[in-house]
Amino acid sequence: MSSSPWKTFLASQLQTNIERVGLSATYVSLATVRPDGTPANRTVVFRGFAGEDHRSETGWQSELLTVTSAKRSRKMADIAAQPMVELSWFMAGTQEQFRVHGRMVAVQAGTTSDALRGVLPDPVTKKGAGSAKDTSASSSTGLATRAFLTRLSREGAGDNSDGGNTFDWQVERLRQWYRMNDQLRGTFPEAGDGEPLAIENMDNEGWFVNHDPAKQKLLEAGYENFALLVMQVESVDYVNLTTGEHSVFIKPKERQEQAMEESSKWVFKRLS
């Protein structure tokens, strides 16, 4: 699957901004509608595209944006009532604004991949042979990616015996839990005191391990409360404040419910 033009452009500009201003470039405003119809907005952190990791090769790719949340967060109720959301992303290093519009769904404990197939038509796909580096769960691979690949292989060892060739959303949620920093991870257990929670290792099945039994119990409680929010993009509005350029990338309505296999499925319009 070739990347859509908006993804290639946004990812490139994000990398430039990270180099210029640091990780604050990943902060975005997420606008939702409350169940009572009133607007809500908050700052969240972009956690990358589903299935991808800029630090180690996973062998998977997508055009689905991800952020994380606690199940108790009010935005969970907003998204359940009205899944259409918008991200406003100002990149200070290049003086650009991206407004990303689309549908957001929550992946939490108990959410099945089958339930999401009709909601997220754009898939997470495996990279073609030769297009990725070795993705075996070796010691040189980051812990999050090793756990991800291990769990995929275990999930694929059942009746289908696909050896990890089928993407699983619970495994992706687990990968994002591994990627979170210890301080933030410590805020998820409702019974915790907010102290940092480290993942020290993983077991042979890919599950996280802390050798302190009390902290392991908190890790498990925190993970139960941890949700991954996944956004399928329908349009991207772009403004360059330096040059005055205003453009949009739009997925035609008749194609929004189909898997996008070609970048040409998106329409680009220069407005000014």
Protein backbone atom coordinates (compact mmCIF):
# COMPACT_ATOMS: atom_id res chain seq x y z
CA MET A 1 0.00 0.00 0.00
CA SER A 2 1.48 3.33 -1.05
CA SER A 3 1.03 6.23 1.35
CA SER A 4 -1.59 8.86 0.61
CA PRO A 5 -0.14 12.29 -0.21
CA TRP A 6 -1.50 13.89 2.97
CA LYS A 7 0.25 11.30 5.15
CA THR A 8 3.58 11.66 3.40
CA PHE A 9 3.38 15.47 3.67
CA LEU A 10 2.18 15.57 7.29
CA ALA A 11 4.79 13.05 8.45
CA SER A 12 7.56 15.00 6.72
CA GLN A 13 6.50 18.33 8.24
CA LEU A 14 6.11 16.74 11.67
CA GLN A 15 9.64 15.38 11.53
CA THR A 16 10.96 18.81 10.55
CA ASN A 17 9.12 20.39 13.48
CA ILE A 18 10.36 17.80 15.96
CA GLU A 19 13.91 18.62 14.84
CA ARG A 20 13.27 22.36 15.28
CA VAL A 21 11.12 22.60 18.41
CA GLY A 22 11.23 19.14 20.00
CA LEU A 23 8.47 16.72 20.96
CA SER A 24 6.01 19.53 21.67
CA ALA A 25 5.37 19.32 17.93
CA THR A 26 3.34 16.17 18.63
CA TYR A 27 0.80 18.08 20.76
CA VAL A 28 -2.55 18.54 18.99
CA SER A 29 -5.99 19.85 19.93
CA LEU A 30 -8.77 17.27 19.75
CA ALA A 31 -12.27 18.68 19.28
CA THR A 32 -15.29 16.51 20.08
CA VAL A 33 -19.02 16.98 20.69
CA ARG A 34 -20.39 16.17 24.14
CA PRO A 35 -23.49 13.97 24.47
CA ASP A 36 -25.51 17.14 25.21
CA GLY A 37 -24.44 18.65 21.88
CA THR A 38 -21.99 21.24 23.24
CA PRO A 39 -18.38 21.43 21.99
CA ALA A 40 -15.33 20.15 23.88
CA ASN A 41 -11.62 20.55 23.20
CA ARG A 42 -8.40 19.38 24.81
CA THR A 43 -4.72 18.87 24.04
CA VAL A 44 -3.58 15.32 23.31
CA VAL A 45 -0.35 13.75 22.10
CA PHE A 46 -0.10 12.18 18.67
CA ARG A 47 1.15 8.62 19.21
CA GLY A 48 1.94 7.79 15.61
CA PHE A 49 0.21 5.83 12.89
CA ALA A 50 -1.35 2.54 13.96
CA GLY A 51 1.06 -0.36 13.63
CA GLU A 52 4.10 1.86 12.99
CA ASP A 53 7.03 2.81 15.19
CA HIS A 54 9.63 5.39 14.12
CA ARG A 55 12.23 3.80 16.42
CA SER A 56 12.04 0.17 15.26
CA GLU A 57 10.53 -1.60 12.26
CA THR A 58 7.28 -3.44 12.95
CA GLY A 59 6.59 -4.63 9.41
CA TRP A 60 3.15 -2.94 9.42
CA GLN A 61 1.81 0.34 8.05
CA SER A 62 -1.40 2.39 8.08
CA GLU A 63 -2.92 5.84 7.67
CA LEU A 64 -4.78 5.68 10.98
CA LEU A 65 -3.78 8.31 13.56
CA THR A 66 -3.58 7.30 17.20
CA VAL A 67 -3.81 9.00 20.60
CA THR A 68 -4.27 7.45 24.04
CA SER A 69 -6.76 7.94 26.84
CA ALA A 70 -7.95 6.59 30.17
CA LYS A 71 -11.36 4.88 30.04
CA ARG A 72 -12.64 7.33 32.66
CA SER A 73 -11.85 10.37 30.47
CA ARG A 74 -14.84 12.43 29.37
CA LYS A 75 -13.70 12.31 25.76
CA MET A 76 -14.52 8.59 25.72
CA ALA A 77 -18.21 9.39 26.24
CA ASP A 78 -18.01 12.15 23.62
CA ILE A 79 -16.58 9.80 21.00
CA ALA A 80 -19.05 7.04 21.82
CA ALA A 81 -21.94 9.48 21.25
CA GLN A 82 -20.45 11.24 18.21
CA PRO A 83 -17.39 9.65 16.57
CA MET A 84 -16.79 12.50 14.10
CA VAL A 85 -13.90 14.61 15.47
CA GLU A 86 -11.30 17.11 14.33
CA LEU A 87 -7.65 17.62 15.20
CA SER A 88 -6.15 21.11 15.01
CA TRP A 89 -2.39 20.79 14.68
CA PHE A 90 -0.28 23.94 14.72
CA MET A 91 3.35 23.26 13.88
CA ALA A 92 5.24 26.24 15.27
CA GLY A 93 8.59 25.31 13.75
CA THR A 94 7.32 25.76 10.20
CA GLN A 95 4.31 28.03 10.89
CA GLU A 96 1.83 25.54 9.44
CA GLN A 97 -1.61 24.40 10.54
CA PHE A 98 -3.21 21.04 9.76
CA ARG A 99 -6.90 20.51 10.52
CA VAL A 100 -7.58 16.79 10.31
CA HIS A 101 -11.20 15.67 10.13
CA GLY A 102 -12.43 12.12 10.49
CA ARG A 103 -13.97 9.33 12.52
CA MET A 104 -12.48 8.20 15.84
CA VAL A 105 -13.08 4.92 17.63
CA ALA A 106 -11.84 3.59 20.97
CA VAL A 107 -9.92 0.36 21.42
CA GLN A 108 -10.20 -0.65 25.06
CA ALA A 109 -10.18 -3.88 27.05
CA GLY A 110 -12.64 -6.23 25.38
CA THR A 111 -12.74 -4.48 21.99
CA THR A 112 -12.36 -7.06 19.20
CA SER A 113 -10.73 -6.61 15.83
CA ASP A 114 -13.83 -8.09 14.17
CA ALA A 115 -15.98 -5.34 15.68
CA LEU A 116 -13.73 -2.66 14.21
CA ARG A 117 -13.49 -3.95 10.64
CA GLY A 118 -16.69 -2.25 9.56
CA VAL A 119 -15.88 0.93 11.47
CA LEU A 120 -12.31 1.36 10.21
CA PRO A 121 -12.40 0.48 6.49
CA ASP A 122 -8.82 1.69 5.97
CA PRO A 123 -6.74 -1.26 7.13
CA VAL A 124 -3.45 -1.71 8.89
CA THR A 125 -1.49 -3.67 6.29
CA LYS A 126 1.62 -5.78 6.34
CA LYS A 127 4.49 -4.40 4.32
CA GLY A 128 5.43 -6.31 1.20
CA ALA A 129 8.33 -8.69 1.06
CA GLY A 130 11.62 -6.84 0.89
CA SER A 131 10.10 -3.50 1.89
CA ALA A 132 10.90 -3.87 5.59
CA LYS A 133 13.89 -4.76 7.66
CA ASP A 134 14.03 -7.97 9.66
CA THR A 135 11.03 -7.83 12.00
CA SER A 136 11.78 -10.86 14.14
CA ALA A 137 11.39 -10.27 17.86
CA SER A 138 15.14 -10.17 18.53
CA SER A 139 16.96 -8.60 21.46
CA SER A 140 18.07 -5.70 19.25
CA THR A 141 14.47 -4.68 18.59
CA GLY A 142 12.75 -2.23 20.97
CA LEU A 143 10.80 -3.86 23.79
CA ALA A 144 7.45 -2.52 22.58
CA THR A 145 8.00 -3.89 19.08
CA ARG A 146 9.30 -7.22 20.40
CA ALA A 147 6.18 -7.60 22.54
CA PHE A 148 3.99 -6.59 19.59
CA LEU A 149 5.53 -9.15 17.24
CA THR A 150 5.51 -11.86 19.90
CA ARG A 151 1.82 -11.31 20.69
CA LEU A 152 0.89 -11.24 16.99
CA SER A 153 2.64 -14.56 16.46
CA ARG A 154 0.83 -16.03 19.49
CA GLU A 155 -2.54 -14.70 18.37
CA GLY A 156 -1.90 -16.14 14.92
CA ALA A 157 -0.99 -19.55 16.31
CA GLY A 158 -4.62 -20.59 16.75
CA ASP A 159 -7.01 -22.08 14.22
CA ASN A 160 -5.82 -19.86 11.37
CA SER A 161 -2.11 -20.48 12.04
CA ASP A 162 -1.17 -17.38 10.10
CA GLY A 163 2.06 -16.82 12.03
CA GLY A 164 1.30 -13.20 12.88
CA ASN A 165 0.08 -12.11 9.45
CA THR A 166 -3.24 -10.78 10.78
CA PHE A 167 -3.30 -7.43 12.56
CA ASP A 168 -4.90 -7.49 16.01
CA TRP A 169 -6.12 -4.31 17.72
CA GLN A 170 -5.60 -5.61 21.24
CA VAL A 171 -1.98 -6.31 20.36
CA GLU A 172 -1.66 -2.76 19.07
CA ARG A 173 -3.15 -1.42 22.31
CA LEU A 174 -0.54 -3.44 24.19
CA ARG A 175 2.26 -2.03 22.03
CA GLN A 176 1.14 1.51 22.82
CA TRP A 177 1.07 0.67 26.55
CA TYR A 178 4.70 -0.43 26.32
CA ARG A 179 5.65 2.78 24.46
CA MET A 180 4.24 5.08 27.13
CA ASN A 181 6.73 6.63 29.57
CA ASP A 182 6.79 5.38 33.16
CA GLN A 183 5.46 8.63 34.64
CA LEU A 184 2.38 8.73 32.44
CA ARG A 185 1.79 5.00 32.80
CA GLY A 186 1.61 5.54 36.55
CA THR A 187 -1.47 7.77 36.19
CA PHE A 188 -3.69 5.01 34.81
CA PRO A 189 -4.38 2.75 37.83
CA GLU A 190 -7.34 4.21 39.71
CA ALA A 191 -6.03 2.83 43.02
CA GLY A 192 -2.45 3.97 42.45
CA ASP A 193 -0.61 6.93 43.95
CA GLY A 194 0.63 8.29 40.63
CA GLU A 195 4.16 6.96 41.09
CA PRO A 196 6.00 5.96 37.87
CA LEU A 197 5.32 2.41 36.68
CA ALA A 198 8.15 0.80 34.75
CA ILE A 199 7.88 -2.16 32.42
CA GLU A 200 11.12 -3.97 33.19
CA ASN A 201 10.82 -6.82 30.73
CA MET A 202 8.35 -9.08 28.95
CA ASP A 203 7.57 -12.75 29.40
CA ASN A 204 7.68 -15.40 26.67
CA GLU A 205 4.12 -14.52 25.64
CA GLY A 206 4.87 -10.83 25.18
CA TRP A 207 3.16 -9.60 28.35
CA PHE A 208 4.71 -6.81 30.41
CA VAL A 209 6.65 -7.59 33.57
CA ASN A 210 7.64 -5.67 36.68
CA HIS A 211 9.47 -7.84 39.20
CA ASP A 212 7.85 -6.04 42.15
CA PRO A 213 4.49 -7.85 42.69
CA ALA A 214 2.76 -4.69 43.93
CA LYS A 215 3.85 -2.70 40.89
CA GLN A 216 2.95 -5.57 38.57
CA LYS A 217 -0.56 -5.51 40.00
CA LEU A 218 -0.75 -1.74 39.38
CA LEU A 219 0.51 -2.22 35.82
CA GLU A 220 -2.26 -4.72 35.16
CA ALA A 221 -4.88 -2.40 36.68
CA GLY A 222 -3.56 0.53 34.66
CA TYR A 223 -3.63 -1.46 31.44
CA GLU A 224 -7.27 -2.37 32.08
CA ASN A 225 -8.03 1.37 32.23
CA PHE A 226 -5.93 2.20 29.16
CA ALA A 227 -7.58 2.93 25.81
CA LEU A 228 -6.23 3.61 22.34
CA LEU A 229 -8.12 6.13 20.20
CA VAL A 230 -7.85 5.51 16.47
CA MET A 231 -8.78 8.08 13.83
CA GLN A 232 -9.66 7.35 10.23
CA VAL A 233 -8.98 10.51 8.24
CA GLU A 234 -11.54 11.87 5.79
CA SER A 235 -10.04 15.27 5.02
CA VAL A 236 -6.99 17.39 5.81
CA ASP A 237 -7.08 21.19 5.64
CA TYR A 238 -3.61 22.76 5.36
CA VAL A 239 -2.53 26.38 5.82
CA ASN A 240 1.00 27.77 5.57
CA LEU A 241 1.04 31.01 7.55
CA THR A 242 4.30 32.16 5.96
CA THR A 243 3.36 31.76 2.29
CA GLY A 244 -0.43 32.02 2.62
CA GLU A 245 -0.96 28.68 0.87
CA HIS A 246 -4.29 27.03 1.71
CA SER A 247 -4.95 23.52 0.43
CA VAL A 248 -7.15 20.53 1.21
CA PHE A 249 -6.83 16.78 0.80
CA ILE A 250 -10.23 15.11 0.54
CA LYS A 251 -11.35 11.50 0.36
CA PRO A 252 -14.45 11.46 -1.88
CA LYS A 253 -17.58 10.38 -0.01
CA GLU A 254 -18.22 7.36 -2.21
CA ARG A 255 -14.75 6.05 -1.34
CA GLN A 256 -14.76 6.66 2.39
CA GLU A 257 -16.26 3.24 3.11
CA GLN A 258 -13.74 1.41 0.96
CA ALA A 259 -10.16 0.43 1.78
CA MET A 260 -7.82 2.96 0.18
CA GLU A 261 -5.15 1.07 -1.75
CA GLU A 262 -3.85 3.91 -3.94
CA SER A 263 -2.73 7.44 -3.14
CA SER A 264 -4.70 8.64 -6.20
CA LYS A 265 -7.93 7.92 -4.33
CA TRP A 266 -7.40 11.24 -2.54
CA VAL A 267 -8.28 14.56 -4.18
CA PHE A 268 -5.95 17.52 -3.68
CA LYS A 269 -7.28 21.07 -4.06
CA ARG A 270 -5.29 24.31 -3.85
CA LEU A 271 -7.60 26.98 -2.43
CA SER A 272 -5.17 29.91 -2.36
